[in-house]
PDB file of all heavy atoms in Angstrom:
ATOM      1  N   VAL A   1      12.550 -47.093  15.529  1.00  0.00           N
ATOM      2  CA  VAL A   1      11.578 -47.699  16.427  1.00  0.00           C
ATOM      3  C   VAL A   1      10.377 -48.107  15.590  1.00  0.00           C
ATOM      4  O   VAL A   1      10.051 -47.446  14.598  1.00  0.00           O
ATOM      5  CB  VAL A   1      11.187 -46.745  17.580  1.00  0.00           C
ATOM      6  CG1 VAL A   1      10.467 -45.523  17.069  1.00  0.00           C
ATOM      7  CG2 VAL A   1      10.357 -47.465  18.616  1.00  0.00           C
ATOM      8  N   TYR A   2       9.760 -49.210  15.967  1.00  0.00           N
ATOM      9  CA  TYR A   2       8.678 -49.792  15.180  1.00  0.00           C
ATOM     10  C   TYR A   2       7.449 -50.018  16.041  1.00  0.00           C
ATOM     11  O   TYR A   2       7.532 -50.168  17.261  1.00  0.00           O
ATOM     12  CB  TYR A   2       9.120 -51.135  14.588  1.00  0.00           C
ATOM     13  CG  TYR A   2      10.392 -51.062  13.784  1.00  0.00           C
ATOM     14  CD1 TYR A   2      11.611 -51.431  14.354  1.00  0.00           C
ATOM     15  CD2 TYR A   2      10.379 -50.628  12.472  1.00  0.00           C
ATOM     16  CE1 TYR A   2      12.788 -51.366  13.626  1.00  0.00           C
ATOM     17  CE2 TYR A   2      11.552 -50.554  11.731  1.00  0.00           C
ATOM     18  CZ  TYR A   2      12.745 -50.921  12.316  1.00  0.00           C
ATOM     19  OH  TYR A   2      13.913 -50.855  11.581  1.00  0.00           O
ATOM     20  N   LEU A   3       6.307 -50.058  15.375  1.00  0.00           N
ATOM     21  CA  LEU A   3       5.065 -50.457  16.037  1.00  0.00           C
ATOM     22  C   LEU A   3       4.399 -51.490  15.145  1.00  0.00           C
ATOM     23  O   LEU A   3       3.890 -51.156  14.073  1.00  0.00           O
ATOM     24  CB  LEU A   3       4.132 -49.267  16.268  1.00  0.00           C
ATOM     25  CG  LEU A   3       2.863 -49.592  17.041  1.00  0.00           C
ATOM     26  CD1 LEU A   3       3.204 -49.942  18.497  1.00  0.00           C
ATOM     27  CD2 LEU A   3       1.878 -48.427  16.995  1.00  0.00           C
ATOM     28  N   GLN A   4       4.434 -52.735  15.571  1.00  0.00           N
ATOM     29  CA  GLN A   4       3.742 -53.813  14.862  1.00  0.00           C
ATOM     30  C   GLN A   4       2.314 -53.859  15.370  1.00  0.00           C
ATOM     31  O   GLN A   4       2.094 -54.039  16.572  1.00  0.00           O
ATOM     32  CB  GLN A   4       4.439 -55.153  15.103  1.00  0.00           C
ATOM     33  CG  GLN A   4       3.756 -56.337  14.438  1.00  0.00           C
ATOM     34  CD  GLN A   4       3.789 -56.262  12.925  1.00  0.00           C
ATOM     35  OE1 GLN A   4       4.805 -55.906  12.346  1.00  0.00           O
ATOM     36  NE2 GLN A   4       2.672 -56.604  12.297  1.00  0.00           N
ATOM     37  N   MET A   5       1.377 -53.690  14.463  1.00  0.00           N
ATOM     38  CA  MET A   5      -0.028 -53.641  14.829  1.00  0.00           C
ATOM     39  C   MET A   5      -0.741 -54.824  14.181  1.00  0.00           C
ATOM     40  O   MET A   5      -0.806 -54.908  12.944  1.00  0.00           O
ATOM     41  CB  MET A   5      -0.650 -52.319  14.372  1.00  0.00           C
ATOM     42  CG  MET A   5       0.083 -51.101  14.894  1.00  0.00           C
ATOM     43  SD  MET A   5      -0.760 -49.550  14.506  1.00  0.00           S
ATOM     44  CE  MET A   5      -0.607 -49.530  12.726  1.00  0.00           C
ATOM     45  N   ASP A   6      -1.247 -55.719  14.986  1.00  0.00           N
ATOM     46  CA  ASP A   6      -1.970 -56.898  14.507  1.00  0.00           C
ATOM     47  C   ASP A   6      -3.413 -56.848  14.995  1.00  0.00           C
ATOM     48  O   ASP A   6      -3.753 -56.113  15.913  1.00  0.00           O
ATOM     49  CB  ASP A   6      -1.284 -58.165  15.022  1.00  0.00           C
ATOM     50  CG  ASP A   6       0.140 -58.311  14.510  1.00  0.00           C
ATOM     51  OD1 ASP A   6       0.374 -58.046  13.325  1.00  0.00           O
ATOM     52  OD2 ASP A   6       1.016 -58.707  15.311  1.00  0.00           O
ATOM     53  N   SER A   7      -4.242 -57.653  14.368  1.00  0.00           N
ATOM     54  CA  SER A   7      -5.662 -57.745  14.742  1.00  0.00           C
ATOM     55  C   SER A   7      -6.279 -56.357  14.832  1.00  0.00           C
ATOM     56  O   SER A   7      -6.962 -56.023  15.812  1.00  0.00           O
ATOM     57  CB  SER A   7      -5.815 -58.491  16.079  1.00  0.00           C
ATOM     58  OG  SER A   7      -5.272 -59.781  16.001  1.00  0.00           O
ATOM     59  N   LEU A   8      -6.041 -55.568  13.817  1.00  0.00           N
ATOM     60  CA  LEU A   8      -6.498 -54.180  13.843  1.00  0.00           C
ATOM     61  C   LEU A   8      -8.014 -54.088  13.861  1.00  0.00           C
ATOM     62  O   LEU A   8      -8.714 -54.909  13.253  1.00  0.00           O
ATOM     63  CB  LEU A   8      -5.926 -53.424  12.646  1.00  0.00           C
ATOM     64  CG  LEU A   8      -4.467 -52.999  12.827  1.00  0.00           C
ATOM     65  CD1 LEU A   8      -3.802 -52.712  11.488  1.00  0.00           C
ATOM     66  CD2 LEU A   8      -4.371 -51.792  13.741  1.00  0.00           C
ATOM     67  N   LYS A   9      -8.494 -53.070  14.554  1.00  0.00           N
ATOM     68  CA  LYS A   9      -9.926 -52.818  14.687  1.00  0.00           C
ATOM     69  C   LYS A   9     -10.235 -51.437  14.101  1.00  0.00           C
ATOM     70  O   LYS A   9      -9.350 -50.573  13.995  1.00  0.00           O
ATOM     71  CB  LYS A   9     -10.324 -52.852  16.161  1.00  0.00           C
ATOM     72  CG  LYS A   9      -9.966 -54.139  16.883  1.00  0.00           C
ATOM     73  CD  LYS A   9     -10.317 -54.041  18.356  1.00  0.00           C
ATOM     74  CE  LYS A   9      -9.947 -55.326  19.108  1.00  0.00           C
ATOM     75  NZ  LYS A   9     -10.272 -55.229  20.555  1.00  0.00           N
ATOM     76  N   THR A  10     -11.493 -51.232  13.783  1.00  0.00           N
ATOM     77  CA  THR A  10     -11.875 -49.924  13.222  1.00  0.00           C
ATOM     78  C   THR A  10     -11.540 -48.788  14.191  1.00  0.00           C
ATOM     79  O   THR A  10     -11.184 -47.693  13.758  1.00  0.00           O
ATOM     80  CB  THR A  10     -13.371 -49.903  12.885  1.00  0.00           C
ATOM     81  OG1 THR A  10     -14.130 -50.246  14.047  1.00  0.00           O
ATOM     82  CG2 THR A  10     -13.690 -50.901  11.764  1.00  0.00           C
ATOM     83  N   GLU A  11     -11.622 -49.076  15.481  1.00  0.00           N
ATOM     84  CA  GLU A  11     -11.330 -48.028  16.466  1.00  0.00           C
ATOM     85  C   GLU A  11      -9.844 -47.709  16.574  1.00  0.00           C
ATOM     86  O   GLU A  11      -9.473 -46.787  17.321  1.00  0.00           O
ATOM     87  CB  GLU A  11     -11.889 -48.404  17.839  1.00  0.00           C
ATOM     88  CG  GLU A  11     -11.494 -49.776  18.332  1.00  0.00           C
ATOM     89  CD  GLU A  11     -12.570 -50.830  18.067  1.00  0.00           C
ATOM     90  OE1 GLU A  11     -13.133 -50.833  16.944  1.00  0.00           O
ATOM     91  OE2 GLU A  11     -12.825 -51.647  18.978  1.00  0.00           O
ATOM     92  N   ASP A  12      -8.996 -48.431  15.876  1.00  0.00           N
ATOM     93  CA  ASP A  12      -7.573 -48.085  15.836  1.00  0.00           C
ATOM     94  C   ASP A  12      -7.289 -46.999  14.790  1.00  0.00           C
ATOM     95  O   ASP A  12      -6.150 -46.517  14.704  1.00  0.00           O
ATOM     96  CB  ASP A  12      -6.732 -49.322  15.505  1.00  0.00           C
ATOM     97  CG  ASP A  12      -6.786 -50.371  16.586  1.00  0.00           C
ATOM     98  OD1 ASP A  12      -6.725 -50.014  17.784  1.00  0.00           O
ATOM     99  OD2 ASP A  12      -6.887 -51.573  16.252  1.00  0.00           O
ATOM    100  N   THR A  13      -8.297 -46.649  14.023  1.00  0.00           N
ATOM    101  CA  THR A  13      -8.130 -45.591  13.030  1.00  0.00           C
ATOM    102  C   THR A  13      -7.740 -44.289  13.709  1.00  0.00           C
ATOM    103  O   THR A  13      -8.413 -43.831  14.633  1.00  0.00           O
ATOM    104  CB  THR A  13      -9.429 -45.394  12.234  1.00  0.00           C
ATOM    105  OG1 THR A  13      -9.697 -46.583  11.476  1.00  0.00           O
ATOM    106  CG2 THR A  13      -9.321 -44.211  11.289  1.00  0.00           C
ATOM    107  N   ALA A  14      -6.642 -43.698  13.263  1.00  0.00           N
ATOM    108  CA  ALA A  14      -6.120 -42.480  13.879  1.00  0.00           C
ATOM    109  C   ALA A  14      -4.878 -42.035  13.123  1.00  0.00           C
ATOM    110  O   ALA A  14      -4.356 -42.767  12.270  1.00  0.00           O
ATOM    111  CB  ALA A  14      -5.767 -42.724  15.340  1.00  0.00           C
ATOM    112  N   VAL A  15      -4.416 -40.855  13.464  1.00  0.00           N
ATOM    113  CA  VAL A  15      -3.075 -40.435  13.061  1.00  0.00           C
ATOM    114  C   VAL A  15      -2.118 -40.881  14.163  1.00  0.00           C
ATOM    115  O   VAL A  15      -2.353 -40.585  15.340  1.00  0.00           O
ATOM    116  CB  VAL A  15      -2.986 -38.919  12.843  1.00  0.00           C
ATOM    117  CG1 VAL A  15      -1.559 -38.524  12.469  1.00  0.00           C
ATOM    118  CG2 VAL A  15      -3.961 -38.479  11.760  1.00  0.00           C
ATOM    119  N   TYR A  16      -1.093 -41.585  13.775  1.00  0.00           N
ATOM    120  CA  TYR A  16      -0.127 -42.121  14.729  1.00  0.00           C
ATOM    121  C   TYR A  16       1.142 -41.266  14.689  1.00  0.00           C
ATOM    122  O   TYR A  16       1.686 -40.994  13.616  1.00  0.00           O
ATOM    123  CB  TYR A  16       0.191 -43.576  14.394  1.00  0.00           C
ATOM    124  CG  TYR A  16      -0.908 -44.516  14.807  1.00  0.00           C
ATOM    125  CD1 TYR A  16      -2.122 -44.534  14.127  1.00  0.00           C
ATOM    126  CD2 TYR A  16      -0.746 -45.369  15.895  1.00  0.00           C
ATOM    127  CE1 TYR A  16      -3.151 -45.376  14.523  1.00  0.00           C
ATOM    128  CE2 TYR A  16      -1.763 -46.210  16.299  1.00  0.00           C
ATOM    129  CZ  TYR A  16      -2.967 -46.214  15.604  1.00  0.00           C
ATOM    130  OH  TYR A  16      -3.988 -47.047  16.008  1.00  0.00           O
ATOM    131  N   TYR A  17       1.582 -40.895  15.886  1.00  0.00           N
ATOM    132  CA  TYR A  17       2.740 -40.029  16.029  1.00  0.00           C
ATOM    133  C   TYR A  17       3.851 -40.743  16.779  1.00  0.00           C
ATOM    134  O   TYR A  17       3.602 -41.456  17.757  1.00  0.00           O
ATOM    135  CB  TYR A  17       2.374 -38.776  16.812  1.00  0.00           C
ATOM    136  CG  TYR A  17       1.366 -37.884  16.137  1.00  0.00           C
ATOM    137  CD1 TYR A  17       0.009 -38.052  16.358  1.00  0.00           C
ATOM    138  CD2 TYR A  17       1.781 -36.863  15.271  1.00  0.00           C
ATOM    139  CE1 TYR A  17      -0.925 -37.236  15.741  1.00  0.00           C
ATOM    140  CE2 TYR A  17       0.855 -36.037  14.655  1.00  0.00           C
ATOM    141  CZ  TYR A  17      -0.488 -36.232  14.897  1.00  0.00           C
ATOM    142  OH  TYR A  17      -1.408 -35.413  14.281  1.00  0.00           O
ATOM    143  N   CYS A  18       5.053 -40.485  16.340  1.00  0.00           N
ATOM    144  CA  CYS A  18       6.227 -40.990  17.041  1.00  0.00           C
ATOM    145  C   CYS A  18       6.773 -39.892  17.947  1.00  0.00           C
ATOM    146  O   CYS A  18       6.847 -38.719  17.548  1.00  0.00           O
ATOM    147  CB  CYS A  18       7.289 -41.405  16.021  1.00  0.00           C
ATOM    148  SG  CYS A  18       8.815 -42.050  16.739  1.00  0.00           S
ATOM    149  N   LEU A  19       7.127 -40.274  19.154  1.00  0.00           N
ATOM    150  CA  LEU A  19       7.705 -39.346  20.119  1.00  0.00           C
ATOM    151  C   LEU A  19       9.117 -39.776  20.466  1.00  0.00           C
ATOM    152  O   LEU A  19       9.360 -40.937  20.786  1.00  0.00           O
ATOM    153  CB  LEU A  19       6.866 -39.321  21.390  1.00  0.00           C
ATOM    154  CG  LEU A  19       7.497 -38.609  22.589  1.00  0.00           C
ATOM    155  CD1 LEU A  19       7.583 -37.111  22.342  1.00  0.00           C
ATOM    156  CD2 LEU A  19       6.710 -38.895  23.870  1.00  0.00           C
ATOM    157  N   LYS A  20      10.017 -38.821  20.416  1.00  0.00           N
ATOM    158  CA  LYS A  20      11.382 -39.000  20.917  1.00  0.00           C
ATOM    159  C   LYS A  20      11.503 -38.157  22.176  1.00  0.00           C
ATOM    160  O   LYS A  20      11.191 -36.970  22.167  1.00  0.00           O
ATOM    161  CB  LYS A  20      12.387 -38.546  19.859  1.00  0.00           C
ATOM    162  CG  LYS A  20      13.796 -38.291  20.354  1.00  0.00           C
ATOM    163  CD  LYS A  20      14.613 -37.660  19.244  1.00  0.00           C
ATOM    164  CE  LYS A  20      15.785 -36.867  19.738  1.00  0.00           C
ATOM    165  NZ  LYS A  20      16.506 -36.217  18.636  1.00  0.00           N
ATOM    166  N   ARG A  21      11.914 -38.794  23.251  1.00  0.00           N
ATOM    167  CA  ARG A  21      12.050 -38.075  24.507  1.00  0.00           C
ATOM    168  C   ARG A  21      13.516 -38.141  24.948  1.00  0.00           C
ATOM    169  O   ARG A  21      14.012 -39.192  25.351  1.00  0.00           O
ATOM    170  CB  ARG A  21      11.143 -38.667  25.567  1.00  0.00           C
ATOM    171  CG  ARG A  21      11.239 -37.959  26.927  1.00  0.00           C
ATOM    172  CD  ARG A  21      10.158 -38.450  27.860  1.00  0.00           C
ATOM    173  NE  ARG A  21       8.832 -38.020  27.399  1.00  0.00           N
ATOM    174  CZ  ARG A  21       7.688 -38.533  27.843  1.00  0.00           C
ATOM    175  NH1 ARG A  21       7.699 -39.489  28.736  1.00  0.00           N
ATOM    176  NH2 ARG A  21       6.538 -38.076  27.397  1.00  0.00           N
ATOM    177  N   PHE A  22      14.171 -37.000  24.853  1.00  0.00           N
ATOM    178  CA  PHE A  22      15.572 -36.879  25.263  1.00  0.00           C
ATOM    179  C   PHE A  22      15.882 -35.408  25.331  1.00  0.00           C
ATOM    180  O   PHE A  22      15.928 -34.737  24.303  1.00  0.00           O
ATOM    181  CB  PHE A  22      16.494 -37.584  24.259  1.00  0.00           C
ATOM    182  CG  PHE A  22      17.947 -37.579  24.654  1.00  0.00           C
ATOM    183  CD1 PHE A  22      18.397 -38.419  25.654  1.00  0.00           C
ATOM    184  CD2 PHE A  22      18.856 -36.755  24.028  1.00  0.00           C
ATOM    185  CE1 PHE A  22      19.736 -38.433  26.028  1.00  0.00           C
ATOM    186  CE2 PHE A  22      20.193 -36.757  24.380  1.00  0.00           C
ATOM    187  CZ  PHE A  22      20.636 -37.601  25.384  1.00  0.00           C
ATOM    188  N   ASN A  23      16.055 -34.907  26.529  1.00  0.00           N
ATOM    189  CA  ASN A  23      16.213 -33.463  26.703  1.00  0.00           C
ATOM    190  C   ASN A  23      15.049 -32.708  26.072  1.00  0.00           C
ATOM    191  O   ASN A  23      15.245 -31.670  25.418  1.00  0.00           O
ATOM    192  CB  ASN A  23      17.543 -32.979  26.092  1.00  0.00           C
ATOM    193  CG  ASN A  23      18.752 -33.509  26.843  1.00  0.00           C
ATOM    194  OD1 ASN A  23      18.672 -33.810  28.028  1.00  0.00           O
ATOM    195  ND2 ASN A  23      19.863 -33.638  26.154  1.00  0.00           N
ATOM    196  N   GLY A  24      13.877 -33.221  26.266  1.00  0.00           N
ATOM    197  CA  GLY A  24      12.689 -32.605  25.696  1.00  0.00           C
ATOM    198  C   GLY A  24      11.909 -33.606  24.873  1.00  0.00           C
ATOM    199  O   GLY A  24      12.355 -34.737  24.656  1.00  0.00           O
ATOM    200  N   ASN A  25      10.740 -33.217  24.448  1.00  0.00           N
ATOM    201  CA  ASN A  25       9.872 -34.062  23.633  1.00  0.00           C
ATOM    202  C   ASN A  25       9.906 -33.585  22.195  1.00  0.00           C
ATOM    203  O   ASN A  25       9.722 -32.392  21.924  1.00  0.00           O
ATOM    204  CB  ASN A  25       8.438 -34.009  24.143  1.00  0.00           C
ATOM    205  CG  ASN A  25       8.259 -34.750  25.447  1.00  0.00           C
ATOM    206  OD1 ASN A  25       9.048 -35.620  25.802  1.00  0.00           O
ATOM    207  ND2 ASN A  25       7.229 -34.384  26.180  1.00  0.00           N
TER     208      ASN A  25
END
């Protein structure tokens, strides 16, 4: 799974986490 991030802003600064949801998180 991908996340294409364009026109990034300073407020997008963060730790980004991937979640898989299937019989639990």
